[in-house]
Amino acid sequence: MVDVAVVGAGPCGLAAAIAAQRAGLRAVVFDRGCLVNGIASYPTYMSF
């Protein structure tokens, strides 16, 4: 059984899944591409 479903394997989605697991919850991550694609296609030129 899964406690948390995260949609999107970008930096925020992966951070949310890690935070859920650290809180003792079971998380699953869904993304339209493979998990590696979520990080590899993230634009590094953006600044906030």
C-alpha atoms as a PDB file:
ATOM      1  CA  MET A   1       0.000   0.000   0.000  1.00  0.00           C
ATOM      2  CA  VAL A   2       1.210   3.503  -0.845  1.00  0.00           C
ATOM      3  CA  ASP A   3       0.713   6.526   1.409  1.00  0.00           C
ATOM      4  CA  VAL A   4       1.856   9.258  -0.996  1.00  0.00           C
ATOM      5  CA  ALA A   5       1.733   9.466  -4.797  1.00  0.00           C
ATOM      6  CA  VAL A   6       4.013  12.102  -6.317  1.00  0.00           C
ATOM      7  CA  VAL A   7       3.345  13.183  -9.900  1.00  0.00           C
ATOM      8  CA  GLY A   8       6.495  14.456 -11.590  1.00  0.00           C
ATOM      9  CA  ALA A   9      10.073  13.286 -11.140  1.00  0.00           C
ATOM     10  CA  GLY A  10      11.700  16.688 -11.323  1.00  0.00           C
ATOM     11  CA  PRO A  11      13.705  18.140  -8.441  1.00  0.00           C
ATOM     12  CA  CYS A  12      10.601  19.124  -6.438  1.00  0.00           C
ATOM     13  CA  GLY A  13       8.857  15.800  -6.984  1.00  0.00           C
ATOM     14  CA  LEU A  14      11.890  13.810  -5.916  1.00  0.00           C
ATOM     15  CA  ALA A  15      12.375  16.072  -2.890  1.00  0.00           C
ATOM     16  CA  ALA A  16       8.734  15.497  -1.921  1.00  0.00           C
ATOM     17  CA  ALA A  17       9.141  11.728  -2.197  1.00  0.00           C
ATOM     18  CA  ILE A  18      12.312  11.806  -0.091  1.00  0.00           C
ATOM     19  CA  ALA A  19      10.615  13.958   2.551  1.00  0.00           C
ATOM     20  CA  ALA A  20       7.660  11.560   2.659  1.00  0.00           C
ATOM     21  CA  GLN A  21       9.931   8.562   3.137  1.00  0.00           C
ATOM     22  CA  ARG A  22      11.893  10.332   5.867  1.00  0.00           C
ATOM     23  CA  ALA A  23       8.561  10.947   7.610  1.00  0.00           C
ATOM     24  CA  GLY A  24       7.894   7.201   7.566  1.00  0.00           C
ATOM     25  CA  LEU A  25       5.468   7.185   4.631  1.00  0.00           C
ATOM     26  CA  ARG A  26       5.624   4.968   1.561  1.00  0.00           C
ATOM     27  CA  ALA A  27       5.899   7.053  -1.596  1.00  0.00           C
ATOM     28  CA  VAL A  28       5.686   6.282  -5.297  1.00  0.00           C
ATOM     29  CA  VAL A  29       6.801   8.680  -8.054  1.00  0.00           C
ATOM     30  CA  PHE A  30       5.062   8.887 -11.441  1.00  0.00           C
ATOM     31  CA  ASP A  31       6.544  10.691 -14.435  1.00  0.00           C
ATOM     32  CA  ARG A  32       5.795  10.674 -18.141  1.00  0.00           C
ATOM     33  CA  GLY A  33       9.408   9.759 -18.921  1.00  0.00           C
ATOM     34  CA  CYS A  34      11.884   7.556 -17.145  1.00  0.00           C
ATOM     35  CA  LEU A  35      13.130   8.757 -13.754  1.00  0.00           C
ATOM     36  CA  VAL A  36      16.532   9.716 -15.139  1.00  0.00           C
ATOM     37  CA  ASN A  37      14.852  11.877 -17.788  1.00  0.00           C
ATOM     38  CA  GLY A  38      13.216  14.070 -15.124  1.00  0.00           C
ATOM     39  CA  ILE A  39      16.565  15.245 -13.783  1.00  0.00           C
ATOM     40  CA  ALA A  40      18.488  15.179 -17.064  1.00  0.00           C
ATOM     41  CA  SER A  41      15.991  17.444 -18.841  1.00  0.00           C
ATOM     42  CA  TYR A  42      15.762  19.992 -16.002  1.00  0.00           C
ATOM     43  CA  PRO A  43      16.942  23.404 -17.259  1.00  0.00           C
ATOM     44  CA  THR A  44      20.105  24.401 -15.411  1.00  0.00           C
ATOM     45  CA  TYR A  45      20.092  27.968 -16.720  1.00  0.00           C
ATOM     46  CA  MET A  46      17.057  29.031 -14.663  1.00  0.00           C
ATOM     47  CA  SER A  47      17.596  31.064 -11.524  1.00  0.00           C
ATOM     48  CA  PHE A  48      15.061  32.060  -8.900  1.00  0.00           C
END
